[in-house]
Amino acid sequence: MEAFMHGIILAFGLILPLGVQNVFVFSQGATQPRLLRALPATITAAVCDTFLMLIAIFGVSIIVFQFEWLRLSLMSIGIIFLLYMGFSIWRSKPTTSMTGQALPMNKQILFALSVSLLNPHAILDTVGVIGTSALKYVGTEQVLFTLACIIVSWLWFFGLTIAGAVMKKLDGTGRLMMLFNKCSALFIWGTAIYLFIGLR
């Protein structure tokens, strides 16, 4: 139980702060005409987080990040995707009816992949915190720790999607969602600039 509770608290602490991934998943819940239409982004983000946690716990990514050229390549690709995603969200219009605009499934998956797997800071946090913490446990305890982290991740992303859908219902005019989209785009562009500064 100690390992399981440790995993829950640690994963929740890592995933709670506002980040590009959280903003994107929430926005899909708010902009899609139906909750089910937002699930591609939700599930993709959760699967990517699960993948990163497993890699972190087994230590593979620690070897990968020893190569400077790989780190720079990852950050450069991430910057390009963030700039493009910010542009798309800035131009998007919130849906107040079934005929409104919303990201199609392929774009949802692509963007969710980019903000999950091409965000160096998220990857390094996962490796540095979850991967290091997992070294404390072996056998069944390590499995319980891993499961706790994964469960928190999946529940969080589904919760964000539902919260976005609830916000859309409360915002019948779409003005609040339009403002949220603009702020999200600015936040994403700011993250891209921050990553660009980190390249130097």
C-alpha atoms as a PDB file:
ATOM      1  CA  MET A   1       0.000   0.000   0.000  1.00  0.00           C
ATOM      2  CA  GLU A   2       2.901   2.357   0.685  1.00  0.00           C
ATOM      3  CA  ALA A   3       4.195   1.982  -2.876  1.00  0.00           C
ATOM      4  CA  PHE A   4       0.689   2.400  -4.332  1.00  0.00           C
ATOM      5  CA  MET A   5      -0.044   5.570  -2.304  1.00  0.00           C
ATOM      6  CA  HIS A   6       3.399   6.950  -3.126  1.00  0.00           C
ATOM      7  CA  GLY A   7       2.644   6.451  -6.835  1.00  0.00           C
ATOM      8  CA  ILE A   8      -0.732   8.219  -6.550  1.00  0.00           C
ATOM      9  CA  ILE A   9       0.655  11.254  -4.718  1.00  0.00           C
ATOM     10  CA  LEU A  10       3.703  11.553  -6.970  1.00  0.00           C
ATOM     11  CA  ALA A  11       1.797  11.190 -10.248  1.00  0.00           C
ATOM     12  CA  PHE A  12      -0.881  13.657  -9.133  1.00  0.00           C
ATOM     13  CA  GLY A  13       1.767  16.182  -8.123  1.00  0.00           C
ATOM     14  CA  LEU A  14       3.447  15.927 -11.524  1.00  0.00           C
ATOM     15  CA  ILE A  15       0.302  16.077 -13.640  1.00  0.00           C
ATOM     16  CA  LEU A  16      -1.575  18.795 -11.712  1.00  0.00           C
ATOM     17  CA  PRO A  17       0.330  21.925 -12.871  1.00  0.00           C
ATOM     18  CA  LEU A  18      -0.992  23.705 -15.973  1.00  0.00           C
ATOM     19  CA  GLY A  19       0.870  22.485 -19.046  1.00  0.00           C
ATOM     20  CA  VAL A  20       0.424  22.297 -22.789  1.00  0.00           C
ATOM     21  CA  GLN A  21      -0.850  18.717 -22.588  1.00  0.00           C
ATOM     22  CA  ASN A  22      -3.487  19.567 -19.955  1.00  0.00           C
ATOM     23  CA  VAL A  23      -4.609  22.666 -21.852  1.00  0.00           C
ATOM     24  CA  PHE A  24      -5.024  20.724 -25.081  1.00  0.00           C
ATOM     25  CA  VAL A  25      -7.025  17.861 -23.547  1.00  0.00           C
ATOM     26  CA  PHE A  26      -9.299  20.299 -21.706  1.00  0.00           C
ATOM     27  CA  SER A  27      -9.854  22.358 -24.865  1.00  0.00           C
ATOM     28  CA  GLN A  28     -10.952  19.274 -26.805  1.00  0.00           C
ATOM     29  CA  GLY A  29     -13.594  18.505 -24.205  1.00  0.00           C
ATOM     30  CA  ALA A  30     -14.824  22.080 -24.559  1.00  0.00           C
ATOM     31  CA  THR A  31     -14.708  22.442 -28.357  1.00  0.00           C
ATOM     32  CA  GLN A  32     -15.964  19.077 -29.593  1.00  0.00           C
ATOM     33  CA  PRO A  33     -19.741  18.890 -30.256  1.00  0.00           C
ATOM     34  CA  ARG A  34     -19.997  15.679 -28.217  1.00  0.00           C
ATOM     35  CA  LEU A  35     -17.895  14.253 -25.396  1.00  0.00           C
ATOM     36  CA  LEU A  36     -17.170  11.067 -27.371  1.00  0.00           C
ATOM     37  CA  ARG A  37     -15.625  13.144 -30.165  1.00  0.00           C
ATOM     38  CA  ALA A  38     -12.949  14.384 -27.717  1.00  0.00           C
ATOM     39  CA  LEU A  39     -11.840  10.885 -26.691  1.00  0.00           C
ATOM     40  CA  PRO A  40      -9.094  10.494 -29.354  1.00  0.00           C
ATOM     41  CA  ALA A  41      -7.109  13.319 -27.703  1.00  0.00           C
ATOM     42  CA  THR A  42      -7.854  12.017 -24.199  1.00  0.00           C
ATOM     43  CA  ILE A  43      -6.871   8.432 -24.894  1.00  0.00           C
ATOM     44  CA  THR A  44      -3.769   9.404 -26.907  1.00  0.00           C
ATOM     45  CA  ALA A  45      -2.503  11.636 -24.094  1.00  0.00           C
ATOM     46  CA  ALA A  46      -3.128   8.913 -21.502  1.00  0.00           C
ATOM     47  CA  VAL A  47      -1.438   6.215 -23.616  1.00  0.00           C
ATOM     48  CA  CYS A  48       1.586   8.479 -24.199  1.00  0.00           C
ATOM     49  CA  ASP A  49       1.879   9.175 -20.465  1.00  0.00           C
ATOM     50  CA  THR A  50       1.687   5.454 -19.745  1.00  0.00           C
ATOM     51  CA  PHE A  51       4.413   4.818 -22.327  1.00  0.00           C
ATOM     52  CA  LEU A  52       6.684   7.490 -20.844  1.00  0.00           C
ATOM     53  CA  MET A  53       6.174   6.199 -17.303  1.00  0.00           C
ATOM     54  CA  LEU A  54       7.052   2.650 -18.308  1.00  0.00           C
ATOM     55  CA  ILE A  55      10.170   3.863 -20.096  1.00  0.00           C
ATOM     56  CA  ALA A  56      11.134   6.018 -17.114  1.00  0.00           C
ATOM     57  CA  ILE A  57      10.704   3.183 -14.634  1.00  0.00           C
ATOM     58  CA  PHE A  58      12.717   0.760 -16.736  1.00  0.00           C
ATOM     59  CA  GLY A  59      15.386   3.404 -17.325  1.00  0.00           C
ATOM     60  CA  VAL A  60      15.665   3.237 -21.117  1.00  0.00           C
ATOM     61  CA  SER A  61      15.230   6.968 -21.687  1.00  0.00           C
ATOM     62  CA  ILE A  62      18.106   7.800 -19.335  1.00  0.00           C
ATOM     63  CA  ILE A  63      20.438   6.250 -21.901  1.00  0.00           C
ATOM     64  CA  VAL A  64      18.750   8.088 -24.775  1.00  0.00           C
ATOM     65  CA  PHE A  65      19.185  11.535 -23.208  1.00  0.00           C
ATOM     66  CA  GLN A  66      22.925  11.065 -22.911  1.00  0.00           C
ATOM     67  CA  PHE A  67      23.120  12.030 -26.597  1.00  0.00           C
ATOM     68  CA  GLU A  68      23.099  15.815 -27.022  1.00  0.00           C
ATOM     69  CA  TRP A  69      22.146  15.686 -30.715  1.00  0.00           C
ATOM     70  CA  LEU A  70      19.039  13.683 -29.856  1.00  0.00           C
ATOM     71  CA  ARG A  71      18.004  16.163 -27.174  1.00  0.00           C
ATOM     72  CA  LEU A  72      18.416  19.102 -29.579  1.00  0.00           C
ATOM     73  CA  SER A  73      16.507  17.289 -32.338  1.00  0.00           C
ATOM     74  CA  LEU A  74      13.644  16.456 -29.987  1.00  0.00           C
ATOM     75  CA  MET A  75      13.405  20.037 -28.744  1.00  0.00           C
ATOM     76  CA  SER A  76      13.517  21.478 -32.283  1.00  0.00           C
ATOM     77  CA  ILE A  77      10.709  19.223 -33.489  1.00  0.00           C
ATOM     78  CA  GLY A  78       8.730  20.030 -30.358  1.00  0.00           C
ATOM     79  CA  ILE A  79       9.064  23.783 -30.978  1.00  0.00           C
ATOM     80  CA  ILE A  80       7.770  23.443 -34.554  1.00  0.00           C
ATOM     81  CA  PHE A  81       4.756  21.393 -33.431  1.00  0.00           C
ATOM     82  CA  LEU A  82       3.940  23.825 -30.620  1.00  0.00           C
ATOM     83  CA  LEU A  83       4.040  26.817 -32.971  1.00  0.00           C
ATOM     84  CA  TYR A  84       1.724  25.054 -35.415  1.00  0.00           C
ATOM     85  CA  MET A  85      -0.623  23.886 -32.677  1.00  0.00           C
ATOM     86  CA  GLY A  86      -0.831  27.373 -31.173  1.00  0.00           C
ATOM     87  CA  PHE A  87      -1.724  28.778 -34.598  1.00  0.00           C
ATOM     88  CA  SER A  88      -4.471  26.164 -35.071  1.00  0.00           C
ATOM     89  CA  ILE A  89      -5.994  26.760 -31.633  1.00  0.00           C
ATOM     90  CA  TRP A  90      -5.853  30.547 -32.091  1.00  0.00           C
ATOM     91  CA  ARG A  91      -7.885  30.262 -35.297  1.00  0.00           C
ATOM     92  CA  SER A  92     -10.329  27.658 -33.988  1.00  0.00           C
ATOM     93  CA  LYS A  93     -13.879  28.655 -33.154  1.00  0.00           C
ATOM     94  CA  PRO A  94     -15.725  27.168 -30.173  1.00  0.00           C
ATOM     95  CA  THR A  95     -18.695  24.971 -30.965  1.00  0.00           C
ATOM     96  CA  THR A  96     -22.070  25.976 -29.609  1.00  0.00           C
ATOM     97  CA  SER A  97     -23.900  23.573 -31.920  1.00  0.00           C
ATOM     98  CA  MET A  98     -23.348  20.373 -33.879  1.00  0.00           C
ATOM     99  CA  THR A  99     -22.334  22.389 -36.933  1.00  0.00           C
ATOM    100  CA  GLY A 100     -19.466  24.244 -35.225  1.00  0.00           C
ATOM    101  CA  GLN A 101     -15.807  23.752 -36.050  1.00  0.00           C
ATOM    102  CA  ALA A 102     -13.751  21.209 -34.122  1.00  0.00           C
ATOM    103  CA  LEU A 103     -10.508  19.353 -34.665  1.00  0.00           C
ATOM    104  CA  PRO A 104     -10.940  16.067 -36.580  1.00  0.00           C
ATOM    105  CA  MET A 105      -9.722  12.813 -35.046  1.00  0.00           C
ATOM    106  CA  ASN A 106      -6.418  12.694 -36.968  1.00  0.00           C
ATOM    107  CA  LYS A 107      -5.441  16.217 -35.855  1.00  0.00           C
ATOM    108  CA  GLN A 108      -6.446  15.468 -32.268  1.00  0.00           C
ATOM    109  CA  ILE A 109      -4.185  12.420 -32.231  1.00  0.00           C
ATOM    110  CA  LEU A 110      -1.304  14.261 -33.928  1.00  0.00           C
ATOM    111  CA  PHE A 111      -1.456  17.204 -31.525  1.00  0.00           C
ATOM    112  CA  ALA A 112      -1.849  14.958 -28.477  1.00  0.00           C
ATOM    113  CA  LEU A 113       1.198  12.953 -29.593  1.00  0.00           C
ATOM    114  CA  SER A 114       3.227  16.123 -30.122  1.00  0.00           C
ATOM    115  CA  VAL A 115       2.434  17.716 -26.738  1.00  0.00           C
ATOM    116  CA  SER A 116       3.038  14.398 -24.973  1.00  0.00           C
ATOM    117  CA  LEU A 117       6.105  12.930 -26.688  1.00  0.00           C
ATOM    118  CA  LEU A 118       7.776  16.084 -28.043  1.00  0.00           C
ATOM    119  CA  ASN A 119       7.817  18.005 -24.777  1.00  0.00           C
ATOM    120  CA  PRO A 120      11.364  17.566 -23.415  1.00  0.00           C
ATOM    121  CA  HIS A 121      10.537  19.050 -20.017  1.00  0.00           C
ATOM    122  CA  ALA A 122       7.650  16.631 -19.466  1.00  0.00           C
ATOM    123  CA  ILE A 123       9.854  13.707 -20.493  1.00  0.00           C
ATOM    124  CA  LEU A 124      12.726  14.780 -18.255  1.00  0.00           C
ATOM    125  CA  ASP A 125      10.340  15.309 -15.327  1.00  0.00           C
ATOM    126  CA  THR A 126       8.917  11.822 -15.845  1.00  0.00           C
ATOM    127  CA  VAL A 127      12.379  10.262 -16.046  1.00  0.00           C
ATOM    128  CA  GLY A 128      13.919  12.322 -13.266  1.00  0.00           C
ATOM    129  CA  VAL A 129      11.080  12.049 -10.759  1.00  0.00           C
ATOM    130  CA  ILE A 130       9.047   8.907 -11.481  1.00  0.00           C
ATOM    131  CA  GLY A 131      12.002   6.903 -12.819  1.00  0.00           C
ATOM    132  CA  THR A 132      14.188   7.792  -9.835  1.00  0.00           C
ATOM    133  CA  SER A 133      11.412   7.201  -7.301  1.00  0.00           C
ATOM    134  CA  ALA A 134      10.702   3.769  -8.771  1.00  0.00           C
ATOM    135  CA  LEU A 135      14.248   2.663  -7.886  1.00  0.00           C
ATOM    136  CA  LYS A 136      13.100   2.468  -4.277  1.00  0.00           C
ATOM    137  CA  TYR A 137      10.855  -0.502  -5.064  1.00  0.00           C
ATOM    138  CA  VAL A 138      11.329  -3.986  -6.479  1.00  0.00           C
ATOM    139  CA  GLY A 139       9.001  -6.772  -7.565  1.00  0.00           C
ATOM    140  CA  THR A 140       5.335  -6.406  -6.562  1.00  0.00           C
ATOM    141  CA  GLU A 141       5.903  -3.031  -4.925  1.00  0.00           C
ATOM    142  CA  GLN A 142       7.328  -1.612  -8.153  1.00  0.00           C
ATOM    143  CA  VAL A 143       4.335  -2.962 -10.096  1.00  0.00           C
ATOM    144  CA  LEU A 144       1.925  -1.319  -7.628  1.00  0.00           C
ATOM    145  CA  PHE A 145       3.842   1.967  -7.845  1.00  0.00           C
ATOM    146  CA  THR A 146       3.676   1.851 -11.646  1.00  0.00           C
ATOM    147  CA  LEU A 147      -0.049   1.010 -11.684  1.00  0.00           C
ATOM    148  CA  ALA A 148      -0.825   3.885  -9.314  1.00  0.00           C
ATOM    149  CA  CYS A 149       0.965   6.384 -11.567  1.00  0.00           C
ATOM    150  CA  ILE A 150      -0.826   5.080 -14.663  1.00  0.00           C
ATOM    151  CA  ILE A 151      -4.290   5.079 -13.020  1.00  0.00           C
ATOM    152  CA  VAL A 152      -3.874   8.699 -11.880  1.00  0.00           C
ATOM    153  CA  SER A 153      -2.838   9.723 -15.408  1.00  0.00           C
ATOM    154  CA  TRP A 154      -5.871   8.117 -17.082  1.00  0.00           C
ATOM    155  CA  LEU A 155      -8.362   9.452 -14.515  1.00  0.00           C
ATOM    156  CA  TRP A 156      -6.877  12.944 -14.779  1.00  0.00           C
ATOM    157  CA  PHE A 157      -7.146  13.185 -18.560  1.00  0.00           C
ATOM    158  CA  PHE A 158     -10.709  11.865 -18.637  1.00  0.00           C
ATOM    159  CA  GLY A 159     -11.559  14.323 -15.849  1.00  0.00           C
ATOM    160  CA  LEU A 160     -10.094  17.208 -17.853  1.00  0.00           C
ATOM    161  CA  THR A 161     -12.147  16.228 -20.896  1.00  0.00           C
ATOM    162  CA  ILE A 162     -15.366  16.096 -18.859  1.00  0.00           C
ATOM    163  CA  ALA A 163     -14.520  19.442 -17.240  1.00  0.00           C
ATOM    164  CA  GLY A 164     -14.105  20.980 -20.688  1.00  0.00           C
ATOM    165  CA  ALA A 165     -17.475  19.589 -21.803  1.00  0.00           C
ATOM    166  CA  VAL A 166     -19.158  20.998 -18.673  1.00  0.00           C
ATOM    167  CA  MET A 167     -17.586  24.396 -19.296  1.00  0.00           C
ATOM    168  CA  LYS A 168     -18.986  24.424 -22.843  1.00  0.00           C
ATOM    169  CA  LYS A 169     -22.517  23.823 -21.525  1.00  0.00           C
ATOM    170  CA  LEU A 170     -22.153  26.668 -19.032  1.00  0.00           C
ATOM    171  CA  ASP A 171     -20.828  28.949 -21.768  1.00  0.00           C
ATOM    172  CA  GLY A 172     -23.724  28.970 -24.234  1.00  0.00           C
ATOM    173  CA  THR A 173     -22.467  31.962 -26.228  1.00  0.00           C
ATOM    174  CA  GLY A 174     -18.998  30.515 -26.805  1.00  0.00           C
ATOM    175  CA  ARG A 175     -17.311  33.786 -25.752  1.00  0.00           C
ATOM    176  CA  LEU A 176     -15.620  32.299 -22.689  1.00  0.00           C
ATOM    177  CA  MET A 177     -14.310  29.394 -24.779  1.00  0.00           C
ATOM    178  CA  MET A 178     -13.055  31.796 -27.432  1.00  0.00           C
ATOM    179  CA  LEU A 179     -11.087  33.635 -24.735  1.00  0.00           C
ATOM    180  CA  PHE A 180      -9.788  30.320 -23.415  1.00  0.00           C
ATOM    181  CA  ASN A 181      -8.612  29.360 -26.928  1.00  0.00           C
ATOM    182  CA  LYS A 182      -6.703  32.641 -27.290  1.00  0.00           C
ATOM    183  CA  CYS A 183      -5.077  32.225 -23.880  1.00  0.00           C
ATOM    184  CA  SER A 184      -4.220  28.607 -24.672  1.00  0.00           C
ATOM    185  CA  ALA A 185      -2.565  29.621 -27.938  1.00  0.00           C
ATOM    186  CA  LEU A 186      -0.512  32.303 -26.167  1.00  0.00           C
ATOM    187  CA  PHE A 187       0.491  29.804 -23.476  1.00  0.00           C
ATOM    188  CA  ILE A 188       1.571  27.264 -26.122  1.00  0.00           C
ATOM    189  CA  TRP A 189       3.574  29.882 -28.047  1.00  0.00           C
ATOM    190  CA  GLY A 190       5.193  30.940 -24.779  1.00  0.00           C
ATOM    191  CA  THR A 191       6.209  27.327 -24.157  1.00  0.00           C
ATOM    192  CA  ALA A 192       7.717  27.158 -27.657  1.00  0.00           C
ATOM    193  CA  ILE A 193       9.739  30.322 -26.988  1.00  0.00           C
ATOM    194  CA  TYR A 194      10.894  28.886 -23.647  1.00  0.00           C
ATOM    195  CA  LEU A 195      12.053  25.708 -25.376  1.00  0.00           C
ATOM    196  CA  PHE A 196      13.819  27.765 -28.066  1.00  0.00           C
ATOM    197  CA  ILE A 197      15.745  29.670 -25.403  1.00  0.00           C
ATOM    198  CA  GLY A 198      16.727  26.300 -23.933  1.00  0.00           C
ATOM    199  CA  LEU A 199      18.378  25.317 -27.222  1.00  0.00           C
ATOM    200  CA  ARG A 200      21.070  27.958 -26.741  1.00  0.00           C
END
